[in-house]
C-alpha atoms as a PDB file:
ATOM      1  CA  MET A   1      -0.001   0.070   0.424  1.00  0.00           C
ATOM      2  CA  GLN A   2       1.514   3.635  -0.859  1.00  0.00           C
ATOM      3  CA  ILE A   3      -0.088   6.646   1.485  1.00  0.00           C
ATOM      4  CA  ILE A   4       1.006  10.206  -0.546  1.00  0.00           C
ATOM      5  CA  ILE A   5       0.572  13.057   1.856  1.00  0.00           C
ATOM      6  CA  ILE A   6       0.667  16.342   0.131  1.00  0.00           C
ATOM      7  CA  ARG A   7       1.297  19.833   1.920  1.00  0.00           C
ATOM      8  CA  HIS A   8      -1.242  22.496   0.820  1.00  0.00           C
ATOM      9  CA  GLY A   9      -0.518  25.059  -2.076  1.00  0.00           C
ATOM     10  CA  ASP A  10       1.387  28.293  -1.033  1.00  0.00           C
ATOM     11  CA  PRO A  11      -1.484  29.773   1.400  1.00  0.00           C
ATOM     12  CA  ASP A  12      -3.368  33.135   2.295  1.00  0.00           C
ATOM     13  CA  TYR A  13      -3.763  32.399   6.233  1.00  0.00           C
ATOM     14  CA  VAL A  14      -5.776  35.814   6.465  1.00  0.00           C
ATOM     15  CA  ASN A  15      -7.996  34.240   4.272  1.00  0.00           C
ATOM     16  CA  ASP A  16      -7.501  30.434   4.473  1.00  0.00           C
ATOM     17  CA  THR A  17      -7.358  30.299   0.873  1.00  0.00           C
ATOM     18  CA  LEU A  18      -4.113  30.009  -2.028  1.00  0.00           C
ATOM     19  CA  THR A  19      -2.563  32.861  -3.237  1.00  0.00           C
ATOM     20  CA  PRO A  20      -2.445  32.794  -6.920  1.00  0.00           C
ATOM     21  CA  LYS A  21       1.223  31.767  -6.815  1.00  0.00           C
ATOM     22  CA  GLY A  22      -0.540  28.533  -4.121  1.00  0.00           C
ATOM     23  CA  MET A  23      -3.286  28.069  -7.579  1.00  0.00           C
ATOM     24  CA  ASP A  24      -0.496  27.754 -10.054  1.00  0.00           C
ATOM     25  CA  GLU A  25       0.782  25.199  -7.916  1.00  0.00           C
ATOM     26  CA  ALA A  26      -2.280  23.508  -7.154  1.00  0.00           C
ATOM     27  CA  ILE A  27      -2.910  22.564 -10.773  1.00  0.00           C
ATOM     28  CA  ALA A  28       1.030  21.406 -11.450  1.00  0.00           C
ATOM     29  CA  LEU A  29       0.166  19.080  -8.562  1.00  0.00           C
ATOM     30  CA  ALA A  30      -2.984  17.815 -10.723  1.00  0.00           C
ATOM     31  CA  LYS A  31      -0.659  17.605 -13.917  1.00  0.00           C
ATOM     32  CA  PHE A  32       1.278  15.115 -12.231  1.00  0.00           C
ATOM     33  CA  LEU A  33      -1.580  13.096  -9.840  1.00  0.00           C
ATOM     34  CA  LYS A  34      -3.446  12.976 -12.841  1.00  0.00           C
ATOM     35  CA  ASN A  35      -0.935   9.340 -14.214  1.00  0.00           C
ATOM     36  CA  ILE A  36      -1.284   8.321 -10.753  1.00  0.00           C
ATOM     37  CA  ARG A  37      -4.140   5.383 -10.101  1.00  0.00           C
ATOM     38  CA  ILE A  38      -5.035   6.386  -6.984  1.00  0.00           C
ATOM     39  CA  GLU A  39      -7.926   5.338  -4.708  1.00  0.00           C
ATOM     40  CA  ARG A  40      -9.404   7.253  -2.710  1.00  0.00           C
ATOM     41  CA  PHE A  41      -8.357  11.364  -1.709  1.00  0.00           C
ATOM     42  CA  TYR A  42      -8.885  12.698   1.692  1.00  0.00           C
ATOM     43  CA  CYS A  43      -8.425  16.148   2.442  1.00  0.00           C
ATOM     44  CA  SER A  44      -8.118  18.701   5.944  1.00  0.00           C
ATOM     45  CA  PRO A  45     -11.324  20.229   6.141  1.00  0.00           C
ATOM     46  CA  MET A  46      -9.343  23.820   5.860  1.00  0.00           C
ATOM     47  CA  GLY A  47      -9.961  26.142   2.675  1.00  0.00           C
ATOM     48  CA  ARG A  48      -6.070  25.825   1.794  1.00  0.00           C
ATOM     49  CA  ALA A  49      -6.381  22.298   1.452  1.00  0.00           C
ATOM     50  CA  ARG A  50      -9.219  21.865  -0.102  1.00  0.00           C
ATOM     51  CA  ASP A  51      -8.251  24.152  -2.547  1.00  0.00           C
ATOM     52  CA  THR A  52      -4.780  22.558  -3.454  1.00  0.00           C
ATOM     53  CA  ALA A  53      -7.487  19.494  -4.210  1.00  0.00           C
ATOM     54  CA  ALA A  54      -9.586  20.887  -6.217  1.00  0.00           C
ATOM     55  CA  PRO A  55      -8.100  20.859  -9.507  1.00  0.00           C
ATOM     56  CA  ALA A  56      -6.681  17.188  -8.664  1.00  0.00           C
ATOM     57  CA  LEU A  57     -10.026  16.058  -7.839  1.00  0.00           C
ATOM     58  CA  SER A  58     -11.478  17.375 -11.074  1.00  0.00           C
ATOM     59  CA  ALA A  59      -8.241  16.196 -13.274  1.00  0.00           C
ATOM     60  CA  THR A  60      -8.887  12.727 -11.455  1.00  0.00           C
ATOM     61  CA  GLY A  61     -13.029  12.646 -11.482  1.00  0.00           C
ATOM     62  CA  GLN A  62     -12.995  11.944  -8.301  1.00  0.00           C
ATOM     63  CA  ARG A  63     -14.282  13.178  -5.067  1.00  0.00           C
ATOM     64  CA  ALA A  64     -12.395  13.991  -1.174  1.00  0.00           C
ATOM     65  CA  GLN A  65     -13.382  12.528   2.244  1.00  0.00           C
ATOM     66  CA  ILE A  66     -13.322  14.995   4.450  1.00  0.00           C
ATOM     67  CA  LEU A  67     -11.355  14.148   7.867  1.00  0.00           C
ATOM     68  CA  ASP A  68     -11.282  16.796  11.031  1.00  0.00           C
ATOM     69  CA  TRP A  69      -8.346  15.694  12.370  1.00  0.00           C
ATOM     70  CA  LEU A  70      -6.487  15.971   9.069  1.00  0.00           C
ATOM     71  CA  HIS A  71      -6.882  20.109  10.186  1.00  0.00           C
ATOM     72  CA  GLU A  72      -3.882  21.855  11.507  1.00  0.00           C
ATOM     73  CA  PHE A  73      -2.833  21.634  14.529  1.00  0.00           C
ATOM     74  CA  PRO A  74      -3.880  24.569  16.011  1.00  0.00           C
ATOM     75  CA  GLU A  75      -2.067  27.666  17.988  1.00  0.00           C
ATOM     76  CA  CYS A  76      -1.974  25.384  21.793  1.00  0.00           C
ATOM     77  CA  VAL A  77       1.287  25.869  23.251  1.00  0.00           C
ATOM     78  CA  VAL A  78       3.157  29.295  24.652  1.00  0.00           C
ATOM     79  CA  ASP A  79       6.571  30.423  23.855  1.00  0.00           C
ATOM     80  CA  PRO A  80       8.995  30.628  26.768  1.00  0.00           C
ATOM     81  CA  ASP A  81      11.124  33.189  24.641  1.00  0.00           C
ATOM     82  CA  ASN A  82       8.361  35.796  24.185  1.00  0.00           C
ATOM     83  CA  GLY A  83       4.962  34.487  25.940  1.00  0.00           C
ATOM     84  CA  ALA A  84       3.265  34.220  22.020  1.00  0.00           C
ATOM     85  CA  VAL A  85       0.919  31.185  22.092  1.00  0.00           C
ATOM     86  CA  HIS A  86       1.670  29.121  18.310  1.00  0.00           C
ATOM     87  CA  VAL A  87       1.840  26.480  16.905  1.00  0.00           C
ATOM     88  CA  PRO A  88       4.058  23.540  18.860  1.00  0.00           C
ATOM     89  CA  TRP A  89       6.874  24.044  16.434  1.00  0.00           C
ATOM     90  CA  ASP A  90       9.116  26.975  15.291  1.00  0.00           C
ATOM     91  CA  PHE A  91      10.245  27.664  18.274  1.00  0.00           C
ATOM     92  CA  ASN A  92      14.394  29.007  17.801  1.00  0.00           C
ATOM     93  CA  PRO A  93      16.812  26.284  17.904  1.00  0.00           C
ATOM     94  CA  ARG A  94      18.741  27.412  20.825  1.00  0.00           C
ATOM     95  CA  LEU A  95      15.715  26.841  23.162  1.00  0.00           C
ATOM     96  CA  TRP A  96      14.170  23.614  21.672  1.00  0.00           C
ATOM     97  CA  THR A  97      17.496  21.718  21.146  1.00  0.00           C
ATOM     98  CA  GLY A  98      18.686  22.180  24.684  1.00  0.00           C
ATOM     99  CA  ILE A  99      15.607  19.935  25.763  1.00  0.00           C
ATOM    100  CA  PRO A 100      16.317  16.212  25.652  1.00  0.00           C
ATOM    101  CA  GLU A 101      13.405  15.264  25.858  1.00  0.00           C
ATOM    102  CA  PHE A 102      12.193  16.309  22.835  1.00  0.00           C
ATOM    103  CA  TYR A 103      14.320  14.044  20.765  1.00  0.00           C
ATOM    104  CA  ASP A 104      12.715  11.174  22.552  1.00  0.00           C
ATOM    105  CA  LYS A 105       9.541  10.145  20.577  1.00  0.00           C
ATOM    106  CA  ASP A 106       7.832   8.541  24.116  1.00  0.00           C
ATOM    107  CA  LYS A 107       8.984  11.652  26.351  1.00  0.00           C
ATOM    108  CA  TRP A 108       8.352  15.138  24.225  1.00  0.00           C
ATOM    109  CA  HIS A 109       5.229  15.840  25.741  1.00  0.00           C
ATOM    110  CA  GLU A 110       6.741  15.870  29.183  1.00  0.00           C
ATOM    111  CA  THR A 111       8.116  19.244  28.683  1.00  0.00           C
ATOM    112  CA  ASP A 112       7.437  21.941  30.453  1.00  0.00           C
ATOM    113  CA  ILE A 113       6.753  23.835  27.194  1.00  0.00           C
ATOM    114  CA  MET A 114       4.314  21.133  25.889  1.00  0.00           C
ATOM    115  CA  LYS A 115       2.499  20.954  29.038  1.00  0.00           C
ATOM    116  CA  THR A 116       1.111  24.401  28.412  1.00  0.00           C
ATOM    117  CA  GLY A 117      -1.200  23.511  25.565  1.00  0.00           C
ATOM    118  CA  ASN A 118      -2.927  20.178  24.332  1.00  0.00           C
ATOM    119  CA  ALA A 119      -0.526  19.508  21.841  1.00  0.00           C
ATOM    120  CA  TYR A 120      -0.090  15.504  23.168  1.00  0.00           C
ATOM    121  CA  GLU A 121      -4.259  15.644  22.643  1.00  0.00           C
ATOM    122  CA  VAL A 122      -4.694  16.766  19.114  1.00  0.00           C
ATOM    123  CA  TYR A 123      -1.369  14.550  18.601  1.00  0.00           C
ATOM    124  CA  LYS A 124      -3.445  11.691  19.709  1.00  0.00           C
ATOM    125  CA  THR A 125      -5.890  12.230  17.474  1.00  0.00           C
ATOM    126  CA  VAL A 126      -4.519  12.026  14.782  1.00  0.00           C
ATOM    127  CA  CYS A 127      -2.413   9.229  15.199  1.00  0.00           C
ATOM    128  CA  ALA A 128      -5.883   7.434  16.108  1.00  0.00           C
ATOM    129  CA  GLY A 129      -7.349   8.390  12.919  1.00  0.00           C
ATOM    130  CA  ILE A 130      -4.733   7.432  10.169  1.00  0.00           C
ATOM    131  CA  ASP A 131      -4.909   4.071  12.648  1.00  0.00           C
ATOM    132  CA  GLY A 132      -8.458   4.333  12.312  1.00  0.00           C
ATOM    133  CA  LEU A 133      -8.092   5.097   8.503  1.00  0.00           C
ATOM    134  CA  LEU A 134      -5.015   2.199   7.554  1.00  0.00           C
ATOM    135  CA  GLU A 135      -7.299  -0.025   9.539  1.00  0.00           C
ATOM    136  CA  SER A 136     -10.366  -0.141   7.149  1.00  0.00           C
ATOM    137  CA  TYR A 137      -7.243  -1.007   4.104  1.00  0.00           C
ATOM    138  CA  GLY A 138      -6.296  -3.881   6.501  1.00  0.00           C
ATOM    139  CA  TYR A 139      -3.539  -2.905   8.067  1.00  0.00           C
ATOM    140  CA  VAL A 140      -4.338  -2.992  11.847  1.00  0.00           C
ATOM    141  CA  ARG A 141      -2.080  -0.822  14.095  1.00  0.00           C
ATOM    142  CA  PHE A 142       0.485  -3.467  16.292  1.00  0.00           C
ATOM    143  CA  GLY A 143       3.203  -2.744  18.736  1.00  0.00           C
ATOM    144  CA  ASN A 144       5.546   0.316  16.070  1.00  0.00           C
ATOM    145  CA  CYS A 145       3.920  -1.693  12.773  1.00  0.00           C
ATOM    146  CA  TYR A 146       0.808  -2.924  11.579  1.00  0.00           C
ATOM    147  CA  ARG A 147      -0.444  -6.485  10.830  1.00  0.00           C
ATOM    148  CA  ALA A 148      -1.111  -6.700   6.859  1.00  0.00           C
ATOM    149  CA  MET A 149      -4.814  -8.359   7.322  1.00  0.00           C
ATOM    150  CA  MET A 150      -5.685  -7.463   3.724  1.00  0.00           C
ATOM    151  CA  PRO A 151      -2.286  -6.727   1.680  1.00  0.00           C
ATOM    152  CA  ASN A 152      -2.530  -4.635  -1.441  1.00  0.00           C
ATOM    153  CA  ARG A 153      -0.822  -1.954  -3.758  1.00  0.00           C
ATOM    154  CA  LYS A 154      -3.622   0.705  -3.194  1.00  0.00           C
ATOM    155  CA  THR A 155      -2.754   4.493  -3.037  1.00  0.00           C
ATOM    156  CA  ILE A 156      -4.543   6.662  -1.124  1.00  0.00           C
ATOM    157  CA  VAL A 157      -3.825  11.109  -1.217  1.00  0.00           C
ATOM    158  CA  LEU A 158      -3.618  13.208   2.058  1.00  0.00           C
ATOM    159  CA  VAL A 159      -4.348  16.515   1.313  1.00  0.00           C
ATOM    160  CA  CYS A 160      -3.622  18.606   4.503  1.00  0.00           C
ATOM    161  CA  HIS A 161      -1.104  20.626   6.008  1.00  0.00           C
ATOM    162  CA  PHE A 162       2.640  20.735   7.990  1.00  0.00           C
ATOM    163  CA  GLY A 163       1.792  20.069  10.875  1.00  0.00           C
ATOM    164  CA  VAL A 164      -0.433  17.400  10.767  1.00  0.00           C
ATOM    165  CA  MET A 165       1.889  15.654   8.264  1.00  0.00           C
ATOM    166  CA  CYS A 166       4.843  15.733  10.588  1.00  0.00           C
ATOM    167  CA  ALA A 167       2.557  14.002  13.197  1.00  0.00           C
ATOM    168  CA  ILE A 168       1.310  11.126  11.199  1.00  0.00           C
ATOM    169  CA  LEU A 169       5.070  10.299  10.057  1.00  0.00           C
ATOM    170  CA  SER A 170       6.252  10.522  13.698  1.00  0.00           C
ATOM    171  CA  HIS A 171       3.537   8.011  14.633  1.00  0.00           C
ATOM    172  CA  LEU A 172       4.544   5.589  10.933  1.00  0.00           C
ATOM    173  CA  LEU A 173       8.275   5.906  11.677  1.00  0.00           C
ATOM    174  CA  GLY A 174       8.330   5.839  15.236  1.00  0.00           C
ATOM    175  CA  ILE A 175      10.342   9.234  15.561  1.00  0.00           C
ATOM    176  CA  SER A 176       9.666  12.001  17.925  1.00  0.00           C
ATOM    177  CA  PRO A 177       7.570  15.284  15.913  1.00  0.00           C
ATOM    178  CA  VAL A 178       9.461  17.926  17.415  1.00  0.00           C
ATOM    179  CA  LEU A 179      12.011  16.488  15.229  1.00  0.00           C
ATOM    180  CA  LEU A 180      10.213  16.719  11.829  1.00  0.00           C
ATOM    181  CA  TRP A 181       8.282  19.890  13.154  1.00  0.00           C
ATOM    182  CA  GLN A 182      11.924  21.754  13.402  1.00  0.00           C
ATOM    183  CA  GLY A 183      13.985  20.034  12.189  1.00  0.00           C
ATOM    184  CA  THR A 184      12.524  19.338   7.936  1.00  0.00           C
ATOM    185  CA  ILE A 185      10.443  21.587   5.603  1.00  0.00           C
ATOM    186  CA  CYS A 186       7.832  20.443   3.403  1.00  0.00           C
ATOM    187  CA  PRO A 187       7.310  23.156   0.484  1.00  0.00           C
ATOM    188  CA  PRO A 188       3.941  24.228  -0.586  1.00  0.00           C
ATOM    189  CA  THR A 189       2.195  21.334  -2.420  1.00  0.00           C
ATOM    190  CA  GLY A 190       5.475  18.895  -1.672  1.00  0.00           C
ATOM    191  CA  ILE A 191       4.845  15.413  -2.199  1.00  0.00           C
ATOM    192  CA  THR A 192       5.652  13.329   0.333  1.00  0.00           C
ATOM    193  CA  ARG A 193       5.517   8.764  -0.197  1.00  0.00           C
ATOM    194  CA  LEU A 194       5.451   6.076   2.555  1.00  0.00           C
ATOM    195  CA  THR A 195       4.971   2.551   0.677  1.00  0.00           C
ATOM    196  CA  THR A 196       4.741  -0.503   3.119  1.00  0.00           C
ATOM    197  CA  GLU A 197       6.935  -3.612   3.016  1.00  0.00           C
ATOM    198  CA  GLU A 198       5.977  -7.007   3.958  1.00  0.00           C
ATOM    199  CA  ARG A 199      10.004  -8.540   4.768  1.00  0.00           C
ATOM    200  CA  GLU A 200       8.068 -11.020   7.013  1.00  0.00           C
ATOM    201  CA  GLU A 201       4.586 -12.614   6.324  1.00  0.00           C
ATOM    202  CA  GLY A 202       1.410 -10.326   7.302  1.00  0.00           C
ATOM    203  CA  ILE A 203       4.039  -7.833   9.312  1.00  0.00           C
ATOM    204  CA  ALA A 204       4.034  -4.347   7.247  1.00  0.00           C
ATOM    205  CA  TYR A 205       6.120  -1.236   8.105  1.00  0.00           C
ATOM    206  CA  PHE A 206       5.622   2.475   6.332  1.00  0.00           C
ATOM    207  CA  ARG A 207       8.464   3.201   4.670  1.00  0.00           C
ATOM    208  CA  CYS A 208       8.812   6.880   3.374  1.00  0.00           C
ATOM    209  CA  ASN A 209      10.607   6.828   0.316  1.00  0.00           C
ATOM    210  CA  ARG A 210      10.034  11.023  -0.523  1.00  0.00           C
ATOM    211  CA  TYR A 211       9.641  13.754   1.335  1.00  0.00           C
ATOM    212  CA  GLY A 212       8.591  16.875   0.405  1.00  0.00           C
ATOM    213  CA  ASP A 213       8.922  16.107  -3.230  1.00  0.00           C
ATOM    214  CA  VAL A 214       8.614  19.423  -5.442  1.00  0.00           C
ATOM    215  CA  SER A 215       9.536  17.913  -8.968  1.00  0.00           C
ATOM    216  CA  HIS A 216       6.279  19.105 -10.214  1.00  0.00           C
ATOM    217  CA  LEU A 217       6.567  22.172 -10.078  1.00  0.00           C
ATOM    218  CA  TYR A 218      10.090  22.204 -11.846  1.00  0.00           C
ATOM    219  CA  LEU A 219       8.781  19.789 -14.462  1.00  0.00           C
ATOM    220  CA  ASP A 220       6.109  22.745 -15.041  1.00  0.00           C
ATOM    221  CA  GLY A 221       8.491  25.924 -15.068  1.00  0.00           C
ATOM    222  CA  GLN A 222       7.605  26.703 -11.567  1.00  0.00           C
ATOM    223  CA  ARG A 223       9.699  27.700  -8.486  1.00  0.00           C
ATOM    224  CA  PRO A 224       8.195  26.447  -5.131  1.00  0.00           C
ATOM    225  CA  SER A 225       7.314  28.865  -2.872  1.00  0.00           C
ATOM    226  CA  ARG A 226       9.230  29.793   0.786  1.00  0.00           C
ATOM    227  CA  ALA A 227       5.929  29.446   2.914  1.00  0.00           C
ATOM    228  CA  GLY A 228       7.620  27.940   6.441  1.00  0.00           C
ATOM    229  CA  ARG A 229      11.113  28.921   5.723  1.00  0.00           C
ATOM    230  CA  PHE A 230      13.362  31.190   7.356  1.00  0.00           C
ATOM    231  CA  ARG A 231      16.397  33.038   6.750  1.00  0.00           C
ATOM    232  CA  GLU A 232      20.194  30.781   6.124  1.00  0.00           C
ATOM    233  CA  THR A 233      21.727  33.274   7.847  1.00  0.00           C
ATOM    234  CA  SER A 234      21.179  36.533   9.924  1.00  0.00           C
ATOM    235  CA  LEU A 235      22.070  38.934   7.568  1.00  0.00           C
ATOM    236  CA  GLU A 236      19.557  38.275   5.197  1.00  0.00           C
ATOM    237  CA  SER A 237      15.575  38.441   5.040  1.00  0.00           C
ATOM    238  CA  ASP A 238      13.177  35.771   5.645  1.00  0.00           C
ATOM    239  CA  LEU A 239      12.447  36.209   1.918  1.00  0.00           C
ATOM    240  CA  ASP A 240      15.551  36.372   0.154  1.00  0.00           C
END
């Protein structure tokens, strides 16, 4: 089985939709996805995700099932540097790298920062959501892998957001979500693929073979947008 996770296009966060650049990205994405045999699309209820999925749904003649747990993480923790309430990532590296528990997949949520909000409750909802979805396709959670009750080669697509995408990967791969939130960046319309490997009969593990791929944009003559990235050196603007 294959899971394709797609981050929404370049966002207009104020209006929860896409910028003109984001719409161009979504159209390029649709050109790519129409050549893949997709069993079903699943989408976040948020506007920017639905607008990203729309061209692909039109190109493939499909409809997406809206899943509430694919909603982006809320602003739910407090940044100790400035007291601001925001999403549970984008902390200054000086802060989070000095907390060993953030590197632990079982203890990241026990930190003082995460205890200021409900990030762990949202995370558990996402984990339950992806497990329930996979069970409907014949893969039942078993320890840190899955029992392949009905092994298959179906491909499903999830159109969602960076934060929830990292939570899904954290659960499937056994990695602290903080390392993914803070240590990776998936560009808008970036494609992440996970495929089952059943090296032992009846036991499957989801292995990531592509992360944040935007080759569809380059094939369409576009450059990826920088949403979610920060400056490379303190001497430049975040928009350089």
